Protein backbone atom coordinates (compact mmCIF):
# COMPACT_ATOMS: atom_id res chain seq x y z
CA MET A 1 12.26 -41.73 20.23
CA PRO A 2 11.05 -38.50 18.32
CA LYS A 3 9.29 -39.00 15.08
CA SER A 4 11.14 -38.43 12.23
CA ARG A 5 10.58 -35.44 9.88
CA SER A 6 8.80 -36.95 6.60
CA ARG A 7 11.10 -36.34 3.96
CA THR A 8 9.28 -36.49 0.67
CA PRO A 9 11.39 -36.04 -2.49
CA VAL A 10 10.15 -33.91 -5.10
CA ALA A 11 12.49 -35.91 -7.56
CA ARG A 12 10.28 -34.09 -10.91
CA PRO A 13 11.59 -30.89 -12.54
CA LEU A 14 9.84 -27.92 -11.75
CA THR A 15 7.10 -27.95 -14.00
CA ALA A 16 3.92 -25.57 -13.93
CA ALA A 17 1.89 -28.51 -12.83
CA VAL A 18 4.52 -29.53 -10.28
CA VAL A 19 4.56 -25.83 -8.81
CA ALA A 20 0.79 -25.84 -8.74
CA GLU A 21 1.03 -29.43 -6.86
CA LEU A 22 3.40 -27.77 -3.93
CA GLY A 23 1.15 -24.92 -3.22
CA VAL A 24 3.45 -22.10 -4.64
CA LEU A 25 0.49 -20.68 -6.84
CA GLY A 26 -1.81 -19.58 -3.63
CA ASP A 27 -5.95 -19.65 -4.02
CA ASP A 28 -5.84 -15.88 -5.98
CA TRP A 29 -3.13 -16.74 -8.80
CA PRO A 30 -2.86 -15.84 -11.60
CA PRO A 31 -3.28 -12.12 -10.79
CA ARG A 32 -6.35 -10.44 -12.43
CA SER A 33 -5.00 -7.39 -14.69
CA ARG A 34 -6.60 -6.01 -17.45
CA GLU A 35 -6.29 -6.90 -21.32
CA PHE A 36 -2.62 -7.46 -21.50
CA GLN A 37 -0.35 -5.79 -24.21
CA PRO A 38 2.95 -7.14 -24.95
CA ASN A 39 3.99 -4.64 -27.20
CA GLY A 40 2.64 -1.61 -24.75
CA ASN A 41 3.90 -0.13 -21.59
CA TRP A 42 3.84 -3.11 -18.82
CA SER A 43 5.36 -3.87 -15.56
CA HIS A 44 5.63 -7.53 -13.81
CA THR A 45 6.50 -8.33 -10.38
CA TYR A 46 7.66 -12.11 -9.76
CA ARG A 47 8.29 -13.72 -6.70
CA ILE A 48 11.32 -15.86 -6.70
CA TRP A 49 10.84 -19.32 -4.91
CA THR A 50 13.37 -21.84 -4.49
CA CYS A 51 12.65 -25.71 -4.10
CA HIS A 52 15.47 -27.56 -2.04
CA GLY A 53 14.09 -30.88 -3.06
CA TYR A 54 11.72 -31.93 -0.95
CA ARG A 55 8.01 -31.44 -0.74
CA GLU A 56 7.27 -30.75 3.14
CA SER A 57 10.23 -28.53 3.68
CA GLY A 58 13.06 -26.21 2.89
CA ASN A 59 11.23 -24.53 0.36
CA THR A 60 11.23 -20.65 0.49
CA ASP A 61 10.32 -17.27 -1.31
CA GLN A 62 14.22 -15.70 -1.84
CA GLY A 63 13.45 -12.68 -3.37
CA TYR A 64 11.75 -10.61 -6.24
CA LEU A 65 12.34 -9.39 -9.71
CA VAL A 66 10.62 -6.64 -11.39
CA ILE A 67 10.74 -5.91 -15.22
CA GLU A 68 9.22 -2.70 -16.40
CA ARG A 69 8.80 -1.89 -20.19
CA ARG A 70 8.41 1.17 -21.82
CA ILE A 71 7.90 1.86 -25.37
CA GLY A 72 10.71 3.87 -27.15
CA ALA A 73 10.60 7.56 -29.03
CA SER A 74 10.55 5.38 -32.35
CA ASP A 75 9.09 2.06 -33.00
CA ASP A 76 12.73 0.60 -33.19
CA HIS A 77 13.48 0.49 -29.96
CA PHE A 78 12.05 0.30 -26.25
CA SER A 79 13.72 0.50 -22.79
CA LEU A 80 13.64 -2.00 -19.89
CA ARG A 81 14.43 -1.17 -16.24
CA ILE A 82 15.28 -4.20 -14.00
CA GLU A 83 15.30 -4.66 -10.42
CA GLN A 84 15.97 -7.82 -8.51
CA GLN A 85 16.96 -8.50 -5.00
CA VAL A 86 17.58 -12.13 -3.83
CA VAL A 87 18.63 -13.48 -0.21
CA HIS A 88 21.46 -15.44 0.31
CA LYS A 89 22.88 -17.85 3.02
CA ASP A 90 22.86 -15.90 6.85
CA GLY A 91 20.57 -13.62 5.32
CA ILE A 92 22.76 -11.90 3.07
CA TRP A 93 20.85 -10.14 -0.07
CA HIS A 94 22.04 -9.14 -3.49
CA SER A 95 20.17 -6.62 -5.52
CA LEU A 96 20.82 -5.63 -9.30
CA HIS A 97 19.00 -2.63 -10.92
CA ALA A 98 19.51 -2.31 -14.56
CA ARG A 99 18.37 0.31 -17.19
CA ILE A 100 18.41 -1.22 -21.00
CA THR A 101 17.61 -0.14 -24.48
CA CYS A 102 16.92 -2.85 -26.64
CA ARG A 103 16.20 -3.33 -30.14
CA ASN A 104 12.58 -4.02 -31.20
CA ASN A 105 13.47 -7.14 -32.43
CA GLN A 106 12.43 -10.84 -31.90
CA ILE A 107 14.49 -11.30 -28.95
CA ALA A 108 14.62 -8.06 -27.62
CA SER A 109 18.43 -7.55 -28.40
CA PRO A 110 20.26 -5.13 -25.83
CA GLU A 111 21.88 -2.26 -27.36
CA GLU A 112 22.98 -0.32 -24.41
CA TRP A 113 22.48 -0.96 -20.62
CA ASP A 114 23.58 0.42 -17.32
CA LEU A 115 24.00 -2.48 -14.62
CA ALA A 116 24.37 -1.88 -10.94
CA SER A 117 25.16 -4.77 -8.37
CA ARG A 118 25.56 -4.50 -4.93
CA PHE A 119 25.47 -6.93 -1.56
CA TRP A 120 23.97 -6.23 1.89
CA SER A 121 24.27 -7.62 5.11
CA PRO A 122 21.20 -8.52 7.25
CA SER A 123 21.66 -5.14 9.03
CA GLY A 124 21.59 -3.07 5.78
CA LYS A 125 25.25 -2.53 5.59
CA GLU A 126 26.72 -2.50 2.19
CA HIS A 127 29.77 -4.84 1.33
CA GLU A 128 31.90 -2.19 -0.87
CA ASP A 129 34.09 -4.45 -1.87
CA LEU A 130 31.26 -6.57 -4.07
CA ARG A 131 30.29 -3.53 -5.63
CA LEU A 132 29.81 -3.71 -9.45
CA ASP A 133 28.98 -0.87 -11.67
CA THR A 134 29.06 -1.93 -15.27
CA LYS A 135 27.51 0.06 -18.90
CA GLY A 136 27.99 -2.03 -21.91
CA ARG A 137 26.62 -2.18 -25.91
CA LEU A 138 26.32 -4.34 -28.39
CA HIS A 139 28.77 -3.12 -31.34
CA SER A 140 30.02 -4.70 -34.90
CA GLY A 141 29.72 -8.51 -33.40
CA ARG A 142 31.01 -7.76 -29.79
CA ALA A 143 29.61 -7.25 -26.44
CA VAL A 144 31.76 -4.41 -24.80
CA PHE A 145 31.50 -3.48 -20.97
CA ARG A 146 33.28 -0.70 -19.11
CA SER A 147 33.30 -1.14 -15.22
CA HIS A 148 35.60 0.86 -12.88
CA GLY A 149 37.70 2.29 -15.26
CA ARG A 150 38.31 -1.01 -17.40
CA THR A 151 37.17 -1.96 -21.00
CA TYR A 152 36.81 -5.19 -21.95
CA GLU A 153 34.76 -7.09 -25.23
CA ILE A 154 33.59 -10.23 -25.96
CA PRO A 155 32.71 -11.86 -29.49
CA THR A 156 29.32 -12.76 -30.22
CA ALA A 157 26.85 -14.26 -32.72
CA GLU A 158 24.46 -12.04 -34.82
CA GLN A 159 21.62 -12.79 -32.59
CA VAL A 160 21.82 -11.73 -29.19
CA THR A 161 19.95 -11.11 -25.99
CA ALA A 162 19.79 -11.33 -22.28
CA ASP A 163 18.23 -13.36 -19.70
CA TRP A 164 16.00 -10.47 -18.84
CA CYS A 165 15.26 -8.91 -22.35
CA LEU A 166 13.77 -12.83 -23.27
CA VAL A 167 11.13 -12.63 -20.45
CA GLU A 168 9.75 -9.58 -22.16
CA ALA A 169 10.58 -10.99 -26.01
CA VAL A 170 8.52 -14.74 -24.75
CA GLN A 171 5.48 -12.51 -24.64
CA ARG A 172 5.31 -11.30 -28.02
CA LEU A 173 6.46 -14.83 -29.73
CA PRO A 174 4.20 -16.22 -32.31
CA ARG A 175 3.20 -19.69 -30.90
CA ILE A 176 4.98 -21.83 -33.94
CA ALA A 177 5.77 -25.88 -32.28
CA ASP A 178 9.16 -26.76 -33.04
CA GLU A 179 10.40 -23.22 -34.75
CA TRP A 180 13.39 -22.55 -33.05
CA LEU A 181 15.41 -19.38 -32.45
CA THR A 182 19.26 -19.49 -32.25
CA PHE A 183 21.25 -16.76 -30.54
CA ASP A 184 23.56 -15.98 -27.96
CA VAL A 185 22.71 -14.75 -23.89
CA LEU A 186 24.25 -12.16 -21.83
CA GLU A 187 23.17 -13.59 -18.50
CA ASP A 188 22.62 -10.80 -16.10
CA LEU A 189 24.52 -8.60 -18.40
CA THR A 190 27.89 -10.11 -17.69
CA VAL A 191 28.24 -13.15 -18.76
CA HIS A 192 28.53 -14.85 -22.57
CA ARG A 193 26.32 -17.93 -22.80
CA PRO A 194 26.67 -19.20 -26.68
CA ASP A 195 24.31 -21.23 -28.92
CA GLN A 196 21.10 -21.01 -27.13
CA ARG A 197 17.59 -21.58 -28.54
CA LEU A 198 14.32 -21.01 -27.74
CA ALA A 199 10.51 -22.90 -28.91
CA TYR A 200 6.95 -22.91 -28.34
CA GLU A 201 6.47 -26.17 -26.69
CA GLY A 202 2.51 -26.28 -27.00
CA PRO A 203 -0.56 -25.49 -24.66
CA ASP A 204 0.02 -26.86 -21.20
CA PRO A 205 -3.25 -26.81 -18.59
CA VAL A 206 -2.92 -26.64 -15.45
CA GLU A 207 -5.23 -27.79 -12.83
CA LEU A 208 -5.75 -24.92 -9.80
CA ASP A 209 -8.44 -25.39 -7.26
CA GLY A 210 -10.42 -27.88 -9.42
CA ALA A 211 -10.40 -25.69 -12.66
CA THR A 212 -8.65 -26.12 -15.33
CA LEU A 213 -5.81 -23.12 -16.34
CA GLN A 214 -4.98 -23.17 -19.85
CA LEU A 215 -1.27 -22.04 -20.21
CA HIS A 216 1.49 -22.30 -23.08
CA ARG A 217 4.79 -23.63 -22.69
CA PHE A 218 8.13 -22.43 -24.29
CA CYS A 219 11.70 -24.07 -23.76
CA GLN A 220 14.89 -22.59 -24.09
CA LEU A 221 18.33 -25.03 -24.43
CA GLY A 222 21.71 -24.14 -24.94
CA HIS A 223 25.34 -24.35 -23.49
CA GLY A 224 26.54 -23.22 -20.34
CA MET A 225 23.10 -22.37 -18.79
CA LEU A 226 20.33 -24.14 -17.03
CA PRO A 227 17.28 -24.79 -19.24
CA TYR A 228 14.36 -22.42 -18.71
CA GLN A 229 10.75 -23.04 -19.10
CA TYR A 230 8.16 -20.15 -19.54
CA TRP A 231 4.41 -20.39 -19.23
CA LEU A 232 2.36 -17.77 -20.51
CA ASP A 233 -1.57 -17.14 -20.46
CA ASP A 234 -3.78 -16.81 -23.64
CA HIS A 235 -3.38 -13.00 -23.43
CA GLN A 236 0.52 -13.86 -23.95
CA ARG A 237 1.52 -12.33 -20.52
CA LEU A 238 4.17 -14.44 -18.85
CA LEU A 239 2.69 -15.83 -15.60
CA LEU A 240 6.05 -18.48 -14.47
CA PHE A 241 8.81 -19.52 -15.52
CA THR A 242 11.15 -21.97 -13.97
CA THR A 243 14.98 -23.05 -14.18
CA LEU A 244 16.29 -25.72 -12.17
CA SER A 245 15.10 -25.43 -8.44
CA ARG A 246 14.04 -22.00 -8.99
CA ALA A 247 10.97 -20.73 -10.18
CA TYR A 248 9.77 -17.02 -10.84
CA VAL A 249 5.82 -16.64 -9.91
CA LEU A 250 3.89 -13.21 -11.00
CA ASP A 251 3.04 -12.13 -8.00
CA PRO A 252 2.26 -8.26 -7.68
CA LYS A 253 2.63 -8.36 -3.64
CA ALA A 254 5.97 -10.00 -3.99
CA LYS A 255 8.58 -6.63 -3.07
CA ALA A 256 6.48 -6.86 0.50
CA LEU A 257 7.99 -10.65 1.06
CA LYS A 258 11.52 -9.56 1.08
CA GLY A 259 11.74 -8.66 4.25
CA ASP A 260 10.55 -11.53 5.54
CA ALA A 261 12.67 -13.62 3.23
CA ALA A 262 15.36 -11.61 4.64
């Protein structure tokens, strides 16, 4: 009889230490860079990796996320450019592109945005029936969306951000343990997730190739969203964040991997 394939459950949440144990980070991680300035112009590319529950198989790179920050004309605002591509079942892949004008506050509240969502077959043909283009803005305690000639509004809390905006914001937050920020989140700039909170959890060192990498962890919890954890280096650069079975790993070469994942 053929030997059965080994299937050892991971059986632990995807922390930075577990991601390192699973060999996801690579020998040259984290990427080197000049001194990082979270308030300046920068661009981060993350490899999107998914764990299917076992150590030996089923774990794969599924796409990438690019977040680019640009200083605004005044100190009150800045802009984010978002590019994300994720491969789904049967080689179908989903692309998201967004441009966001953010308020320069603690949580990078989005004031106006444009979002384009597309689905593509493995051959590169677009599924036009799934196309979505949305313009949005925050106004008087409401998120206002306009898509394909229709307008709808959602009441929100006074403090509002988006999941992609938090990737920017967490790099500017002070590291004060147990000081919780509370806010609503617009997930993918389309779905309202109320009553979220975010706090610094403290230092969280990780062993890599016999050396200790000093990281700092933030945790996000709230209604209707899976928990997120964020790990930053001493220069406030976000190196890794995770939610359930998905990890976003800072990797400047991640865009080149999309073709392999597809």
